[in-house]
Protein backbone atom coordinates (compact mmCIF):
# COMPACT_ATOMS: atom_id res chain seq x y z
CA UNK A 1 30.94 -52.80 -9.94
CA UNK A 2 29.27 -53.03 -7.18
CA UNK A 3 25.41 -54.56 -7.38
CA UNK A 4 23.90 -51.54 -6.42
CA UNK A 5 25.78 -48.89 -8.43
CA UNK A 6 25.04 -51.67 -10.84
CA UNK A 7 21.16 -51.75 -10.45
CA UNK A 8 21.40 -47.71 -9.18
CA UNK A 9 22.81 -47.07 -12.69
CA UNK A 10 20.78 -49.47 -14.42
CA UNK A 11 23.83 -50.85 -15.70
CA UNK A 12 24.60 -53.75 -17.42
CA UNK A 13 28.49 -55.66 -16.93
CA UNK A 14 28.74 -55.16 -20.93
CA UNK A 15 27.82 -51.60 -20.99
CA UNK A 16 30.84 -49.55 -21.98
CA UNK A 17 30.52 -46.02 -20.61
CA UNK A 18 30.89 -43.48 -23.49
CA UNK A 19 30.43 -39.84 -21.72
CA UNK A 20 29.97 -39.26 -18.11
CA UNK A 21 26.84 -36.54 -18.57
CA UNK A 22 23.82 -38.26 -16.52
CA UNK A 23 25.91 -39.43 -13.68
CA UNK A 24 24.69 -38.91 -10.16
CA UNK A 25 27.04 -36.17 -8.12
CA UNK A 26 29.04 -38.47 -5.19
CA UNK A 27 27.04 -36.69 -2.59
CA UNK A 28 23.65 -37.99 -4.32
CA UNK A 29 25.06 -41.11 -4.25
CA UNK A 30 25.91 -40.85 -0.27
CA UNK A 31 22.41 -39.90 0.39
CA UNK A 32 20.92 -42.90 -1.29
CA UNK A 33 23.10 -45.20 -0.50
CA UNK A 34 22.53 -43.92 2.86
CA UNK A 35 18.63 -44.23 2.43
CA UNK A 36 18.98 -47.65 0.54
CA UNK A 37 20.66 -48.53 3.47
CA UNK A 38 19.03 -47.75 6.14
CA UNK A 39 15.56 -49.54 4.23
CA UNK A 40 17.16 -52.53 4.00
CA UNK A 41 18.35 -52.90 7.51
CA UNK A 42 14.80 -51.63 8.98
CA UNK A 43 16.62 -48.42 9.85
CA UNK A 44 18.75 -50.08 11.74
CA UNK A 45 21.41 -46.91 12.49
CA UNK A 46 23.98 -49.15 14.51
CA UNK A 47 23.94 -51.94 11.33
CA UNK A 48 24.13 -49.42 8.97
CA UNK A 49 27.04 -47.31 10.90
CA UNK A 50 28.69 -51.05 10.37
CA UNK A 51 28.27 -51.28 7.12
CA UNK A 52 29.59 -48.04 6.27
CA UNK A 53 32.63 -48.17 8.68
CA UNK A 54 31.89 -44.47 10.43
CA UNK A 55 30.95 -44.27 13.43
CA UNK A 56 27.02 -43.54 14.65
CA UNK A 57 27.48 -40.18 15.07
CA UNK A 58 28.81 -39.58 11.59
CA UNK A 59 26.05 -41.28 10.33
CA UNK A 60 23.45 -38.97 12.39
CA UNK A 61 25.78 -36.26 10.98
CA UNK A 62 24.67 -37.31 7.71
CA UNK A 63 21.32 -38.40 8.10
CA UNK A 64 20.80 -34.63 9.57
CA UNK A 65 23.07 -32.92 6.60
CA UNK A 66 21.07 -34.74 3.80
CA UNK A 67 17.52 -34.51 5.68
CA UNK A 68 17.02 -38.71 5.60
CA UNK A 69 14.46 -38.24 7.96
CA UNK A 70 12.40 -41.27 9.77
CA UNK A 71 9.34 -41.69 7.10
CA UNK A 72 7.01 -43.00 9.57
CA UNK A 73 7.54 -39.69 11.43
CA UNK A 74 7.24 -37.57 8.77
CA UNK A 75 3.66 -39.20 7.81
CA UNK A 76 2.14 -39.06 11.05
CA UNK A 77 2.98 -35.01 10.75
CA UNK A 78 0.35 -34.72 7.65
């Protein structure tokens, strides 16, 4: 299993899946994973798009759709 998903779900290698309740949707996972990659790469969108193997315009579209803003810009607006 992907290490990111393991950490996200709080799982260890031996855990069995008895029932699927409480698991996040694919949309939620995608949004959180993009946010995670932006944090890890220092908000380098070109690098994130390479990691995800998508175009930068697709990444910008997903960032806009999920409302993942630049945290620095959001704090200055307060």
